Amino acid sequence: MSAGPIATMIAGPSGSELLATAPNVAAYVARGEARPAFRRAFAAQAAAFEREAG
């Protein structure tokens, strides 16, 4: 399994107190979110949501 899907599952609480209590996990999420493939996938998903919202 690649880091992308796992980072996506954990990314929901980004900026929350949950990640503040787990610096290892916060660093992992940050690395995953910084990956070019993650950014492309996230942008594509956001664009799909925006199209559906019309």
Protein backbone atom coordinates (compact mmCIF):
# COMPACT_ATOMS: atom_id res chain seq x y z
CA MET A 1 0.00 0.00 0.00
CA SER A 2 1.33 3.43 -0.85
CA ALA A 3 1.48 6.38 1.51
CA GLY A 4 -1.14 8.31 -0.48
CA PRO A 5 -4.27 6.42 0.62
CA ILE A 6 -3.14 6.22 4.22
CA ALA A 7 -2.33 9.94 4.31
CA THR A 8 -5.76 10.64 2.86
CA MET A 9 -7.45 8.67 5.63
CA ILE A 10 -5.44 10.45 8.30
CA ALA A 11 -5.50 13.88 6.63
CA GLY A 12 -9.04 14.62 7.76
CA PRO A 13 -7.95 15.73 11.20
CA SER A 14 -5.09 17.90 9.86
CA GLY A 15 -4.61 20.86 12.12
CA SER A 16 -6.62 19.32 14.92
CA GLU A 17 -5.53 18.52 18.43
CA LEU A 18 -5.44 14.85 17.47
CA LEU A 19 -2.32 15.33 15.36
CA ALA A 20 -0.82 17.68 17.94
CA THR A 21 -0.68 14.76 20.35
CA ALA A 22 1.06 12.50 17.83
CA PRO A 23 3.98 14.33 16.21
CA ASN A 24 5.11 11.17 14.39
CA VAL A 25 1.72 10.85 12.72
CA ALA A 26 1.58 14.59 11.96
CA ALA A 27 4.96 14.36 10.23
CA TYR A 28 3.79 11.31 8.27
CA VAL A 29 0.65 13.13 7.12
CA ALA A 30 2.68 16.19 6.13
CA ARG A 31 5.03 14.04 4.05
CA GLY A 32 2.09 12.33 2.36
CA GLU A 33 0.32 15.62 1.63
CA ALA A 34 3.52 17.07 0.17
CA ARG A 35 3.84 14.33 -2.44
CA PRO A 36 3.06 15.50 -6.00
CA ALA A 37 0.83 12.49 -6.65
CA PHE A 38 -1.19 13.21 -3.52
CA ARG A 39 -1.66 16.84 -4.56
CA ARG A 40 -2.79 15.82 -8.05
CA ALA A 41 -5.23 13.23 -6.70
CA PHE A 42 -6.59 15.65 -4.11
CA ALA A 43 -7.06 18.37 -6.76
CA ALA A 44 -8.83 15.92 -9.07
CA GLN A 45 -11.14 14.80 -6.28
CA ALA A 46 -11.93 18.39 -5.29
CA ALA A 47 -12.68 19.25 -8.93
CA ALA A 48 -15.07 16.29 -9.17
CA PHE A 49 -16.88 17.42 -6.00
CA GLU A 50 -17.16 20.96 -7.37
CA ARG A 51 -18.58 19.69 -10.68
CA GLU A 52 -21.17 17.62 -8.83
CA ALA A 53 -22.11 20.55 -6.60
CA GLY A 54 -22.73 22.45 -9.82
